Amino acid sequence: MYFVRKTFEFSAAHRLRLDYPSQCTNLHGHNWKVTVECRARELNANGMVVDFTEIKRSVLGALDHKVLNDVLDFNPTAENIARWIVENVPCCFRAEVEESLGNWAAYERDDDTAEI
């Protein structure tokens, strides 16, 4: 099994929909730190699991400098964003999302569907 990991940042704003009072229901922004992990049993024709540029483009193209509530159809918590990344980045099986120092969430696919 081959593995690659890509870490990068993006800037975006969001407001959370919560069933309790919180300042996080107000629009606010973060410099999100993301770690994406991908895997494959075999390398592609270019000798890669997936190109690092494609990993970054898959996330930044959709989320960077956006109001996440406007582009995602779910409550944009760090947990939900991590799952969105796994579902939208080729070969991705795990993503970690840190919205501020020390506050992070991860999602890991628990099957083999992220393999090529």
PDB file of N, CA and C in Angstrom:
ATOM      1  N   MET A   1       0.859  -1.179   0.000  1.00  0.00           N
ATOM      2  CA  MET A   1       0.000   0.000   0.000  1.00  0.00           C
ATOM      3  C   MET A   1       0.902   1.239   0.000  1.00  0.00           C
ATOM      4  N   TYR A   2       0.568   2.204  -0.840  1.00  0.00           N
ATOM      5  CA  TYR A   2       1.284   3.477  -0.902  1.00  0.00           C
ATOM      6  C   TYR A   2       0.466   4.544  -0.181  1.00  0.00           C
ATOM      7  N   PHE A   3       1.158   5.478   0.466  1.00  0.00           N
ATOM      8  CA  PHE A   3       0.500   6.562   1.195  1.00  0.00           C
ATOM      9  C   PHE A   3       1.150   7.892   0.845  1.00  0.00           C
ATOM     10  N   VAL A   4       0.350   8.937   0.797  1.00  0.00           N
ATOM     11  CA  VAL A   4       0.861  10.310   0.714  1.00  0.00           C
ATOM     12  C   VAL A   4       0.103  11.159   1.717  1.00  0.00           C
ATOM     13  N   ARG A   5       0.776  12.213   2.174  1.00  0.00           N
ATOM     14  CA  ARG A   5       0.168  13.158   3.122  1.00  0.00           C
ATOM     15  C   ARG A   5       0.486  14.565   2.641  1.00  0.00           C
ATOM     16  N   LYS A   6      -0.529  15.418   2.650  1.00  0.00           N
ATOM     17  CA  LYS A   6      -0.371  16.818   2.245  1.00  0.00           C
ATOM     18  C   LYS A   6      -0.970  17.686   3.339  1.00  0.00           C
ATOM     19  N   THR A   7      -0.203  18.690   3.792  1.00  0.00           N
ATOM     20  CA  THR A   7      -0.669  19.643   4.793  1.00  0.00           C
ATOM     21  C   THR A   7      -0.616  21.033   4.188  1.00  0.00           C
ATOM     22  N   PHE A   8      -1.681  21.807   4.389  1.00  0.00           N
ATOM     23  CA  PHE A   8      -1.749  23.163   3.861  1.00  0.00           C
ATOM     24  C   PHE A   8      -2.785  23.943   4.648  1.00  0.00           C
ATOM     25  N   GLU A   9      -2.888  25.221   4.365  1.00  0.00           N
ATOM     26  CA  GLU A   9      -3.854  26.095   5.035  1.00  0.00           C
ATOM     27  C   GLU A   9      -4.771  26.752   4.021  1.00  0.00           C
ATOM     28  N   PHE A  10      -5.944  27.128   4.503  1.00  0.00           N
ATOM     29  CA  PHE A  10      -6.834  27.985   3.723  1.00  0.00           C
ATOM     30  C   PHE A  10      -7.556  28.912   4.685  1.00  0.00           C
ATOM     31  N   SER A  11      -8.049  30.007   4.153  1.00  0.00           N
ATOM     32  CA  SER A  11      -8.799  30.991   4.940  1.00  0.00           C
ATOM     33  C   SER A  11     -10.254  30.934   4.526  1.00  0.00           C
ATOM     34  N   ALA A  12     -11.138  30.913   5.515  1.00  0.00           N
ATOM     35  CA  ALA A  12     -12.571  30.892   5.225  1.00  0.00           C
ATOM     36  C   ALA A  12     -13.343  31.300   6.473  1.00  0.00           C
ATOM     37  N   ALA A  13     -14.561  31.733   6.244  1.00  0.00           N
ATOM     38  CA  ALA A  13     -15.463  32.114   7.330  1.00  0.00           C
ATOM     39  C   ALA A  13     -16.605  31.106   7.413  1.00  0.00           C
ATOM     40  N   HIS A  14     -17.213  31.050   8.576  1.00  0.00           N
ATOM     41  CA  HIS A  14     -18.411  30.218   8.751  1.00  0.00           C
ATOM     42  C   HIS A  14     -19.186  30.703   9.960  1.00  0.00           C
ATOM     43  N   ARG A  15     -20.392  30.235  10.044  1.00  0.00           N
ATOM     44  CA  ARG A  15     -21.203  30.406  11.247  1.00  0.00           C
ATOM     45  C   ARG A  15     -21.816  29.045  11.511  1.00  0.00           C
ATOM     46  N   LEU A  16     -21.814  28.643  12.749  1.00  0.00           N
ATOM     47  CA  LEU A  16     -22.347  27.334  13.090  1.00  0.00           C
ATOM     48  C   LEU A  16     -23.819  27.433  13.462  1.00  0.00           C
ATOM     49  N   ARG A  17     -24.552  26.413  13.102  1.00  0.00           N
ATOM     50  CA  ARG A  17     -25.948  26.279  13.509  1.00  0.00           C
ATOM     51  C   ARG A  17     -25.956  25.334  14.712  1.00  0.00           C
ATOM     52  N   LEU A  18     -26.240  25.895  15.874  1.00  0.00           N
ATOM     53  CA  LEU A  18     -26.156  25.138  17.120  1.00  0.00           C
ATOM     54  C   LEU A  18     -27.472  25.193  17.874  1.00  0.00           C
ATOM     55  N   ASP A  19     -27.709  24.197  18.704  1.00  0.00           N
ATOM     56  CA  ASP A  19     -28.942  24.176  19.499  1.00  0.00           C
ATOM     57  C   ASP A  19     -28.708  24.703  20.910  1.00  0.00           C
ATOM     58  N   TYR A  20     -27.652  25.497  21.086  1.00  0.00           N
ATOM     59  CA  TYR A  20     -27.342  26.140  22.363  1.00  0.00           C
ATOM     60  C   TYR A  20     -26.710  27.495  22.068  1.00  0.00           C
ATOM     61  N   PRO A  21     -26.771  28.441  23.000  1.00  0.00           N
ATOM     62  CA  PRO A  21     -26.192  29.763  22.768  1.00  0.00           C
ATOM     63  C   PRO A  21     -24.667  29.684  22.646  1.00  0.00           C
ATOM     64  N   SER A  22     -24.129  30.354  21.635  1.00  0.00           N
ATOM     65  CA  SER A  22     -22.683  30.344  21.414  1.00  0.00           C
ATOM     66  C   SER A  22     -22.313  31.500  20.505  1.00  0.00           C
ATOM     67  N   GLN A  23     -21.151  32.104  20.742  1.00  0.00           N
ATOM     68  CA  GLN A  23     -20.658  33.138  19.839  1.00  0.00           C
ATOM     69  C   GLN A  23     -20.346  32.567  18.464  1.00  0.00           C
ATOM     70  N   CYS A  24     -20.171  31.260  18.363  1.00  0.00           N
ATOM     71  CA  CYS A  24     -19.843  30.631  17.085  1.00  0.00           C
ATOM     72  C   CYS A  24     -21.014  30.638  16.103  1.00  0.00           C
ATOM     73  N   THR A  25     -22.194  31.043  16.557  1.00  0.00           N
ATOM     74  CA  THR A  25     -23.309  31.197  15.620  1.00  0.00           C
ATOM     75  C   THR A  25     -23.196  32.504  14.843  1.00  0.00           C
ATOM     76  N   ASN A  26     -22.278  33.382  15.251  1.00  0.00           N
ATOM     77  CA  ASN A  26     -21.995  34.610  14.499  1.00  0.00           C
ATOM     78  C   ASN A  26     -20.965  34.296  13.414  1.00  0.00           C
ATOM     79  N   LEU A  27     -21.036  35.021  12.321  1.00  0.00           N
ATOM     80  CA  LEU A  27     -20.058  34.843  11.257  1.00  0.00           C
ATOM     81  C   LEU A  27     -18.662  35.188  11.780  1.00  0.00           C
ATOM     82  N   HIS A  28     -17.715  34.283  11.566  1.00  0.00           N
ATOM     83  CA  HIS A  28     -16.336  34.487  11.998  1.00  0.00           C
ATOM     84  C   HIS A  28     -15.424  33.669  11.090  1.00  0.00           C
ATOM     85  N   GLY A  29     -14.148  33.998  11.088  1.00  0.00           N
ATOM     86  CA  GLY A  29     -13.226  33.335  10.178  1.00  0.00           C
ATOM     87  C   GLY A  29     -12.102  32.611  10.881  1.00  0.00           C
ATOM     88  N   HIS A  30     -11.455  31.744  10.127  1.00  0.00           N
ATOM     89  CA  HIS A  30     -10.306  30.982  10.606  1.00  0.00           C
ATOM     90  C   HIS A  30      -9.291  30.866   9.477  1.00  0.00           C
ATOM     91  N   ASN A  31      -8.044  30.638   9.858  1.00  0.00           N
ATOM     92  CA  ASN A  31      -7.032  30.137   8.948  1.00  0.00           C
ATOM     93  C   ASN A  31      -6.942  28.646   9.261  1.00  0.00           C
ATOM     94  N   TRP A  32      -7.645  27.858   8.474  1.00  0.00           N
ATOM     95  CA  TRP A  32      -7.786  26.433   8.706  1.00  0.00           C
ATOM     96  C   TRP A  32      -6.510  25.708   8.281  1.00  0.00           C
ATOM     97  N   LYS A  33      -6.034  24.798   9.100  1.00  0.00           N
ATOM     98  CA  LYS A  33      -4.913  23.939   8.744  1.00  0.00           C
ATOM     99  C   LYS A  33      -5.486  22.555   8.455  1.00  0.00           C
ATOM    100  N   VAL A  34      -5.119  22.006   7.311  1.00  0.00           N
ATOM    101  CA  VAL A  34      -5.676  20.733   6.863  1.00  0.00           C
ATOM    102  C   VAL A  34      -4.544  19.752   6.586  1.00  0.00           C
ATOM    103  N   THR A  35      -4.728  18.524   7.029  1.00  0.00           N
ATOM    104  CA  THR A  35      -3.828  17.429   6.662  1.00  0.00           C
ATOM    105  C   THR A  35      -4.669  16.373   5.973  1.00  0.00           C
ATOM    106  N   VAL A  36      -4.278  16.040   4.755  1.00  0.00           N
ATOM    107  CA  VAL A  36      -5.004  15.078   3.927  1.00  0.00           C
ATOM    108  C   VAL A  36      -4.105  13.860   3.723  1.00  0.00           C
ATOM    109  N   GLU A  37      -4.666  12.675   3.951  1.00  0.00           N
ATOM    110  CA  GLU A  37      -3.922  11.440   3.734  1.00  0.00           C
ATOM    111  C   GLU A  37      -4.637  10.597   2.684  1.00  0.00           C
ATOM    112  N   CYS A  38      -3.859  10.142   1.706  1.00  0.00           N
ATOM    113  CA  CYS A  38      -4.397   9.340   0.599  1.00  0.00           C
ATOM    114  C   CYS A  38      -3.610   8.045   0.506  1.00  0.00           C
ATOM    115  N   ARG A  39      -4.238   7.024  -0.095  1.00  0.00           N
ATOM    116  CA  ARG A  39      -3.576   5.733  -0.235  1.00  0.00           C
ATOM    117  C   ARG A  39      -4.019   5.056  -1.525  1.00  0.00           C
ATOM    118  N   ALA A  40      -3.163   4.132  -1.972  1.00  0.00           N
ATOM    119  CA  ALA A  40      -3.484   3.330  -3.156  1.00  0.00           C
ATOM    120  C   ALA A  40      -2.660   2.052  -3.121  1.00  0.00           C
ATOM    121  N   ARG A  41      -3.249   0.985  -3.618  1.00  0.00           N
ATOM    122  CA  ARG A  41      -2.512  -0.276  -3.734  1.00  0.00           C
ATOM    123  C   ARG A  41      -1.500  -0.205  -4.872  1.00  0.00           C
ATOM    124  N   GLU A  42      -1.868   0.503  -5.926  1.00  0.00           N
ATOM    125  CA  GLU A  42      -1.012   0.647  -7.097  1.00  0.00           C
ATOM    126  C   GLU A  42      -0.860   2.127  -7.414  1.00  0.00           C
ATOM    127  N   LEU A  43       0.277   2.500  -7.954  1.00  0.00           N
ATOM    128  CA  LEU A  43       0.494   3.882  -8.364  1.00  0.00           C
ATOM    129  C   LEU A  43      -0.157   4.131  -9.714  1.00  0.00           C
ATOM    130  N   ASN A  44      -0.534   5.393  -9.954  1.00  0.00           N
ATOM    131  CA  ASN A  44      -1.145   5.738 -11.240  1.00  0.00           C
ATOM    132  C   ASN A  44      -0.074   5.764 -12.333  1.00  0.00           C
ATOM    133  N   ALA A  45      -0.457   6.102 -13.548  1.00  0.00           N
ATOM    134  CA  ALA A  45       0.459   6.100 -14.692  1.00  0.00           C
ATOM    135  C   ALA A  45       1.633   7.047 -14.506  1.00  0.00           C
ATOM    136  N   ASN A  46       1.489   8.042 -13.616  1.00  0.00           N
ATOM    137  CA  ASN A  46       2.562   8.995 -13.343  1.00  0.00           C
ATOM    138  C   ASN A  46       3.440   8.570 -12.170  1.00  0.00           C
ATOM    139  N   GLY A  47       3.185   7.394 -11.613  1.00  0.00           N
ATOM    140  CA  GLY A  47       3.969   6.913 -10.487  1.00  0.00           C
ATOM    141  C   GLY A  47       3.576   7.538  -9.167  1.00  0.00           C
ATOM    142  N   MET A  48       2.308   7.969  -9.042  1.00  0.00           N
ATOM    143  CA  MET A  48       1.825   8.650  -7.838  1.00  0.00           C
ATOM    144  C   MET A  48       0.561   7.989  -7.308  1.00  0.00           C
ATOM    145  N   VAL A  49       0.314   8.197  -6.022  1.00  0.00           N
ATOM    146  CA  VAL A  49      -1.003   7.886  -5.464  1.00  0.00           C
ATOM    147  C   VAL A  49      -1.982   8.897  -6.041  1.00  0.00           C
ATOM    148  N   VAL A  50      -1.694  10.163  -5.836  1.00  0.00           N
ATOM    149  CA  VAL A  50      -2.426  11.298  -6.401  1.00  0.00           C
ATOM    150  C   VAL A  50      -1.463  12.475  -6.343  1.00  0.00           C
ATOM    151  N   ASP A  51      -1.531  13.339  -7.315  1.00  0.00           N
ATOM    152  CA  ASP A  51      -0.642  14.498  -7.355  1.00  0.00           C
ATOM    153  C   ASP A  51      -0.948  15.422  -6.181  1.00  0.00           C
ATOM    154  N   PHE A  52       0.096  15.889  -5.479  1.00  0.00           N
ATOM    155  CA  PHE A  52      -0.101  16.810  -4.354  1.00  0.00           C
ATOM    156  C   PHE A  52      -0.875  18.051  -4.779  1.00  0.00           C
ATOM    157  N   THR A  53      -0.626  18.517  -5.997  1.00  0.00           N
ATOM    158  CA  THR A  53      -1.338  19.699  -6.499  1.00  0.00           C
ATOM    159  C   THR A  53      -2.829  19.429  -6.607  1.00  0.00           C
ATOM    160  N   GLU A  54      -3.207  18.236  -7.023  1.00  0.00           N
ATOM    161  CA  GLU A  54      -4.627  17.894  -7.139  1.00  0.00           C
ATOM    162  C   GLU A  54      -5.295  17.843  -5.764  1.00  0.00           C
ATOM    163  N   ILE A  55      -4.580  17.339  -4.767  1.00  0.00           N
ATOM    164  CA  ILE A  55      -5.124  17.311  -3.408  1.00  0.00           C
ATOM    165  C   ILE A  55      -5.455  18.737  -2.960  1.00  0.00           C
ATOM    166  N   LYS A  56      -4.467  19.617  -3.094  1.00  0.00           N
ATOM    167  CA  LYS A  56      -4.648  21.006  -2.659  1.00  0.00           C
ATOM    168  C   LYS A  56      -5.742  21.705  -3.468  1.00  0.00           C
ATOM    169  N   ARG A  57      -5.739  21.516  -4.762  1.00  0.00           N
ATOM    170  CA  ARG A  57      -6.737  22.150  -5.635  1.00  0.00           C
ATOM    171  C   ARG A  57      -8.154  21.684  -5.296  1.00  0.00           C
ATOM    172  N   SER A  58      -8.303  20.412  -4.945  1.00  0.00           N
ATOM    173  CA  SER A  58      -9.633  19.876  -4.619  1.00  0.00           C
ATOM    174  C   SER A  58     -10.261  20.598  -3.434  1.00  0.00           C
ATOM    175  N   VAL A  59      -9.434  20.984  -2.470  1.00  0.00           N
ATOM    176  CA  VAL A  59      -9.935  21.661  -1.270  1.00  0.00           C
ATOM    177  C   VAL A  59      -9.980  23.170  -1.485  1.00  0.00           C
ATOM    178  N   LEU A  60      -8.861  23.752  -1.907  1.00  0.00           N
ATOM    179  CA  LEU A  60      -8.802  25.209  -2.038  1.00  0.00           C
ATOM    180  C   LEU A  60      -9.780  25.730  -3.069  1.00  0.00           C
ATOM    181  N   GLY A  61      -9.945  25.024  -4.159  1.00  0.00           N
ATOM    182  CA  GLY A  61     -10.861  25.476  -5.203  1.00  0.00           C
ATOM    183  C   GLY A  61     -12.285  25.639  -4.707  1.00  0.00           C
ATOM    184  N   ALA A  62     -12.663  24.832  -3.733  1.00  0.00           N
ATOM    185  CA  ALA A  62     -14.025  24.883  -3.209  1.00  0.00           C
ATOM    186  C   ALA A  62     -14.157  25.747  -1.969  1.00  0.00           C
ATOM    187  N   LEU A  63     -13.118  25.812  -1.123  1.00  0.00           N
ATOM    188  CA  LEU A  63     -13.292  26.394   0.209  1.00  0.00           C
ATOM    189  C   LEU A  63     -12.490  27.661   0.492  1.00  0.00           C
ATOM    190  N   ASP A  64     -11.377  27.888  -0.172  1.00  0.00           N
ATOM    191  CA  ASP A  64     -10.494  28.992   0.183  1.00  0.00           C
ATOM    192  C   ASP A  64     -11.145  30.343  -0.067  1.00  0.00           C
ATOM    193  N   HIS A  65     -11.062  31.207   0.939  1.00  0.00           N
ATOM    194  CA  HIS A  65     -11.613  32.568   0.896  1.00  0.00           C
ATOM    195  C   HIS A  65     -13.104  32.574   0.563  1.00  0.00           C
ATOM    196  N   LYS A  66     -13.824  31.655   1.170  1.00  0.00           N
ATOM    197  CA  LYS A  66     -15.270  31.544   0.979  1.00  0.00           C
ATOM    198  C   LYS A  66     -15.970  31.631   2.333  1.00  0.00           C
ATOM    199  N   VAL A  67     -17.251  31.917   2.292  1.00  0.00           N
ATOM    200  CA  VAL A  67     -18.119  31.723   3.459  1.00  0.00           C
ATOM    201  C   VAL A  67     -18.626  30.292   3.319  1.00  0.00           C
ATOM    202  N   LEU A  68     -18.182  29.421   4.182  1.00  0.00           N
ATOM    203  CA  LEU A  68     -18.446  28.001   4.028  1.00  0.00           C
ATOM    204  C   LEU A  68     -19.932  27.676   4.018  1.00  0.00           C
ATOM    205  N   ASN A  69     -20.721  28.430   4.744  1.00  0.00           N
ATOM    206  CA  ASN A  69     -22.168  28.213   4.739  1.00  0.00           C
ATOM    207  C   ASN A  69     -22.763  28.419   3.352  1.00  0.00           C
ATOM    208  N   ASP A  70     -22.100  29.230   2.523  1.00  0.00           N
ATOM    209  CA  ASP A  70     -22.604  29.506   1.179  1.00  0.00           C
ATOM    210  C   ASP A  70     -22.236  28.422   0.170  1.00  0.00           C
ATOM    211  N   VAL A  71     -21.208  27.617   0.468  1.00  0.00           N
ATOM    212  CA  VAL A  71     -20.739  26.634  -0.516  1.00  0.00           C
ATOM    213  C   VAL A  71     -20.920  25.183  -0.066  1.00  0.00           C
ATOM    214  N   LEU A  72     -21.221  24.961   1.184  1.00  0.00           N
ATOM    215  CA  LEU A  72     -21.434  23.607   1.697  1.00  0.00           C
ATOM    216  C   LEU A  72     -22.885  23.451   2.128  1.00  0.00           C
ATOM    217  N   ASP A  73     -23.444  22.283   1.933  1.00  0.00           N
ATOM    218  CA  ASP A  73     -24.855  22.071   2.258  1.00  0.00           C
ATOM    219  C   ASP A  73     -25.047  21.375   3.608  1.00  0.00           C
ATOM    220  N   PHE A  74     -24.116  21.620   4.523  1.00  0.00           N
ATOM    221  CA  PHE A  74     -24.197  21.052   5.870  1.00  0.00           C
ATOM    222  C   PHE A  74     -23.636  22.069   6.857  1.00  0.00           C
ATOM    223  N   ASN A  75     -23.848  21.819   8.132  1.00  0.00           N
ATOM    224  CA  ASN A  75     -23.316  22.675   9.182  1.00  0.00           C
ATOM    225  C   ASN A  75     -21.784  22.574   9.137  1.00  0.00           C
ATOM    226  N   PRO A  76     -21.070  23.663   8.847  1.00  0.00           N
ATOM    227  CA  PRO A  76     -19.631  23.584   8.579  1.00  0.00           C
ATOM    228  C   PRO A  76     -18.758  23.509   9.840  1.00  0.00           C
ATOM    229  N   THR A  77     -18.967  22.462  10.621  1.00  0.00           N
ATOM    230  CA  THR A  77     -18.095  22.191  11.756  1.00  0.00           C
ATOM    231  C   THR A  77     -16.793  21.586  11.238  1.00  0.00           C
ATOM    232  N   ALA A  78     -15.766  21.597  12.050  1.00  0.00           N
ATOM    233  CA  ALA A  78     -14.497  20.980  11.654  1.00  0.00           C
ATOM    234  C   ALA A  78     -14.684  19.495  11.337  1.00  0.00           C
ATOM    235  N   GLU A  79     -15.528  18.823  12.099  1.00  0.00           N
ATOM    236  CA  GLU A  79     -15.788  17.401  11.859  1.00  0.00           C
ATOM    237  C   GLU A  79     -16.410  17.172  10.487  1.00  0.00           C
ATOM    238  N   ASN A  80     -17.420  17.981  10.161  1.00  0.00           N
ATOM    239  CA  ASN A  80     -18.088  17.828   8.868  1.00  0.00           C
ATOM    240  C   ASN A  80     -17.187  18.215   7.701  1.00  0.00           C
ATOM    241  N   ILE A  81     -16.331  19.200   7.900  1.00  0.00           N
ATOM    242  CA  ILE A  81     -15.395  19.595   6.844  1.00  0.00           C
ATOM    243  C   ILE A  81     -14.382  18.476   6.603  1.00  0.00           C
ATOM    244  N   ALA A  82     -13.914  17.840   7.667  1.00  0.00           N
ATOM    245  CA  ALA A  82     -12.987  16.715   7.508  1.00  0.00           C
ATOM    246  C   ALA A  82     -13.633  15.601   6.684  1.00  0.00           C
ATOM    247  N   ARG A  83     -14.878  15.289   6.958  1.00  0.00           N
ATOM    248  CA  ARG A  83     -15.566  14.247   6.174  1.00  0.00           C
ATOM    249  C   ARG A  83     -15.732  14.685   4.724  1.00  0.00           C
ATOM    250  N   TRP A  84     -16.091  15.946   4.484  1.00  0.00           N
ATOM    251  CA  TRP A  84     -16.238  16.454   3.119  1.00  0.00           C
ATOM    252  C   TRP A  84     -14.931  16.282   2.340  1.00  0.00           C
ATOM    253  N   ILE A  85     -13.812  16.568   2.985  1.00  0.00           N
ATOM    254  CA  ILE A  85     -12.506  16.427   2.322  1.00  0.00           C
ATOM    255  C   ILE A  85     -12.280  14.972   1.922  1.00  0.00           C
ATOM    256  N   VAL A  86     -12.520  14.045   2.838  1.00  0.00           N
ATOM    257  CA  VAL A  86     -12.333  12.622   2.529  1.00  0.00           C
ATOM    258  C   VAL A  86     -13.211  12.221   1.349  1.00  0.00           C
ATOM    259  N   GLU A  87     -14.414  12.734   1.288  1.00  0.00           N
ATOM    260  CA  GLU A  87     -15.336  12.360   0.219  1.00  0.00           C
ATOM    261  C   GLU A  87     -15.041  13.052  -1.109  1.00  0.00           C
ATOM    262  N   ASN A  88     -14.245  14.120  -1.107  1.00  0.00           N
ATOM    263  CA  ASN A  88     -14.039  14.905  -2.324  1.00  0.00           C
ATOM    264  C   ASN A  88     -12.605  14.931  -2.853  1.00  0.00           C
ATOM    265  N   VAL A  89     -11.655  14.401  -2.129  1.00  0.00           N
ATOM    266  CA  VAL A  89     -10.271  14.351  -2.597  1.00  0.00           C
ATOM    267  C   VAL A  89      -9.993  12.927  -3.089  1.00  0.00           C
ATOM    268  N   PRO A  90      -9.466  12.785  -4.297  1.00  0.00           N
ATOM    269  CA  PRO A  90      -9.199  11.443  -4.827  1.00  0.00           C
ATOM    270  C   PRO A  90      -8.280  10.625  -3.917  1.00  0.00           C
ATOM    271  N   CYS A  91      -8.640   9.383  -3.690  1.00  0.00           N
ATOM    272  CA  CYS A  91      -7.857   8.415  -2.915  1.00  0.00           C
ATOM    273  C   CYS A  91      -7.749   8.759  -1.435  1.00  0.00           C
ATOM    274  N   CYS A  92      -8.469   9.758  -0.954  1.00  0.00           N
ATOM    275  CA  CYS A  92      -8.349  10.195   0.436  1.00  0.00           C
ATOM    276  C   CYS A  92      -9.066   9.222   1.364  1.00  0.00           C
ATOM    277  N   PHE A  93      -8.397   8.877   2.463  1.00  0.00           N
ATOM    278  CA  PHE A  93      -9.026   8.028   3.473  1.00  0.00           C
ATOM    279  C   PHE A  93      -9.079   8.698   4.844  1.00  0.00           C
ATOM    280  N   ARG A  94      -8.305   9.787   5.032  1.00  0.00           N
ATOM    281  CA  ARG A  94      -8.292  10.473   6.331  1.00  0.00           C
ATOM    282  C   ARG A  94      -7.991  11.941   6.120  1.00  0.00           C
ATOM    283  N   ALA A  95      -8.674  12.789   6.904  1.00  0.00           N
ATOM    284  CA  ALA A  95      -8.399  14.229   6.890  1.00  0.00           C
ATOM    285  C   ALA A  95      -8.485  14.760   8.307  1.00  0.00           C
ATOM    286  N   GLU A  96      -7.565  15.667   8.624  1.00  0.00           N
ATOM    287  CA  GLU A  96      -7.592  16.395   9.886  1.00  0.00           C
ATOM    288  C   GLU A  96      -7.787  17.861   9.565  1.00  0.00           C
ATOM    289  N   VAL A  97      -8.641  18.519  10.341  1.00  0.00           N
ATOM    290  CA  VAL A  97      -8.947  19.930  10.141  1.00  0.00           C
ATOM    291  C   VAL A  97      -8.749  20.640  11.467  1.00  0.00           C
ATOM    292  N   GLU A  98      -7.864  21.626  11.481  1.00  0.00           N
ATOM    293  CA  GLU A  98      -7.618  22.431  12.677  1.00  0.00           C
ATOM    294  C   GLU A  98      -8.124  23.839  12.392  1.00  0.00           C
ATOM    295  N   GLU A  99      -9.143  24.265  13.140  1.00  0.00           N
ATOM    296  CA  GLU A  99      -9.713  25.585  12.871  1.00  0.00           C
ATOM    297  C   GLU A  99      -9.043  26.680  13.686  1.00  0.00           C
ATOM    298  N   SER A 100      -8.432  26.328  14.789  1.00  0.00           N
ATOM    299  CA  SER A 100      -7.617  27.243  15.581  1.00  0.00           C
ATOM    300  C   SER A 100      -6.665  26.387  16.396  1.00  0.00           C
ATOM    301  N   LEU A 101      -5.613  26.993  16.898  1.00  0.00           N
ATOM    302  CA  LEU A 101      -4.570  26.248  17.592  1.00  0.00           C
ATOM    303  C   LEU A 101      -5.161  25.354  18.679  1.00  0.00           C
ATOM    304  N   GLY A 102      -4.925  24.068  18.551  1.00  0.00           N
ATOM    305  CA  GLY A 102      -5.377  23.115  19.558  1.00  0.00           C
ATOM    306  C   GLY A 102      -6.799  22.621  19.390  1.00  0.00           C
ATOM    307  N   ASN A 103      -7.534  23.134  18.400  1.00  0.00           N
ATOM    308  CA  ASN A 103      -8.920  22.708  18.163  1.00  0.00           C
ATOM    309  C   ASN A 103      -8.996  22.044  16.797  1.00  0.00           C
ATOM    310  N   TRP A 104      -9.017  20.719  16.787  1.00  0.00           N
ATOM    311  CA  TRP A 104      -9.012  20.010  15.529  1.00  0.00           C
ATOM    312  C   TRP A 104      -9.973  18.833  15.577  1.00  0.00           C
ATOM    313  N   ALA A 105     -10.317  18.378  14.390  1.00  0.00           N
ATOM    314  CA  ALA A 105     -11.186  17.213  14.236  1.00  0.00           C
ATOM    315  C   ALA A 105     -10.635  16.378  13.093  1.00  0.00           C
ATOM    316  N   ALA A 106     -10.959  15.111  13.096  1.00  0.00           N
ATOM    317  CA  ALA A 106     -10.519  14.216  12.034  1.00  0.00           C
ATOM    318  C   ALA A 106     -11.670  13.324  11.605  1.00  0.00           C
ATOM    319  N   TYR A 107     -11.579  12.880  10.353  1.00  0.00           N
ATOM    320  CA  TYR A 107     -12.507  11.877   9.836  1.00  0.00           C
ATOM    321  C   TYR A 107     -11.678  10.871   9.063  1.00  0.00           C
ATOM    322  N   GLU A 108     -11.952   9.597   9.303  1.00  0.00           N
ATOM    323  CA  GLU A 108     -11.244   8.529   8.604  1.00  0.00           C
ATOM    324  C   GLU A 108     -12.253   7.554   8.028  1.00  0.00           C
ATOM    325  N   ARG A 109     -12.113   7.277   6.743  1.00  0.00           N
ATOM    326  CA  ARG A 109     -12.959   6.287   6.083  1.00  0.00           C
ATOM    327  C   ARG A 109     -12.588   4.919   6.655  1.00  0.00           C
ATOM    328  N   ASP A 110     -13.561   4.107   6.982  1.00  0.00           N
ATOM    329  CA  ASP A 110     -13.263   2.821   7.619  1.00  0.00           C
ATOM    330  C   ASP A 110     -13.422   1.644   6.672  1.00  0.00           C
ATOM    331  N   ASP A 111     -13.324   1.921   5.380  1.00  0.00           N
ATOM    332  CA  ASP A 111     -13.379   0.840   4.388  1.00  0.00           C
ATOM    333  C   ASP A 111     -12.285   1.060   3.351  1.00  0.00           C
ATOM    334  N   ASP A 112     -12.276   0.260   2.310  1.00  0.00           N
ATOM    335  CA  ASP A 112     -11.215   0.342   1.298  1.00  0.00           C
ATOM    336  C   ASP A 112     -11.620   1.140   0.072  1.00  0.00           C
ATOM    337  N   THR A 113     -12.698   1.927   0.132  1.00  0.00           N
ATOM    338  CA  THR A 113     -13.164   2.620  -1.064  1.00  0.00           C
ATOM    339  C   THR A 113     -12.297   3.794  -1.467  1.00  0.00           C
ATOM    340  N   ALA A 114     -11.346   4.186  -0.630  1.00  0.00           N
ATOM    341  CA  ALA A 114     -10.453   5.289  -0.993  1.00  0.00           C
ATOM    342  C   ALA A 114      -9.243   4.802  -1.778  1.00  0.00           C
ATOM    343  N   GLU A 115      -9.176   3.517  -2.041  1.00  0.00           N
ATOM    344  CA  GLU A 115      -8.038   2.980  -2.778  1.00  0.00           C
ATOM    345  C   GLU A 115      -8.321   2.957  -4.266  1.00  0.00           C
ATOM    346  N   ILE A 116      -7.248   3.044  -5.050  1.00  0.00           N
ATOM    347  CA  ILE A 116      -7.408   2.886  -6.505  1.00  0.00           C
ATOM    348  C   ILE A 116      -6.765   1.589  -6.934  1.00  0.00           C
TER     349      ILE A 116
END
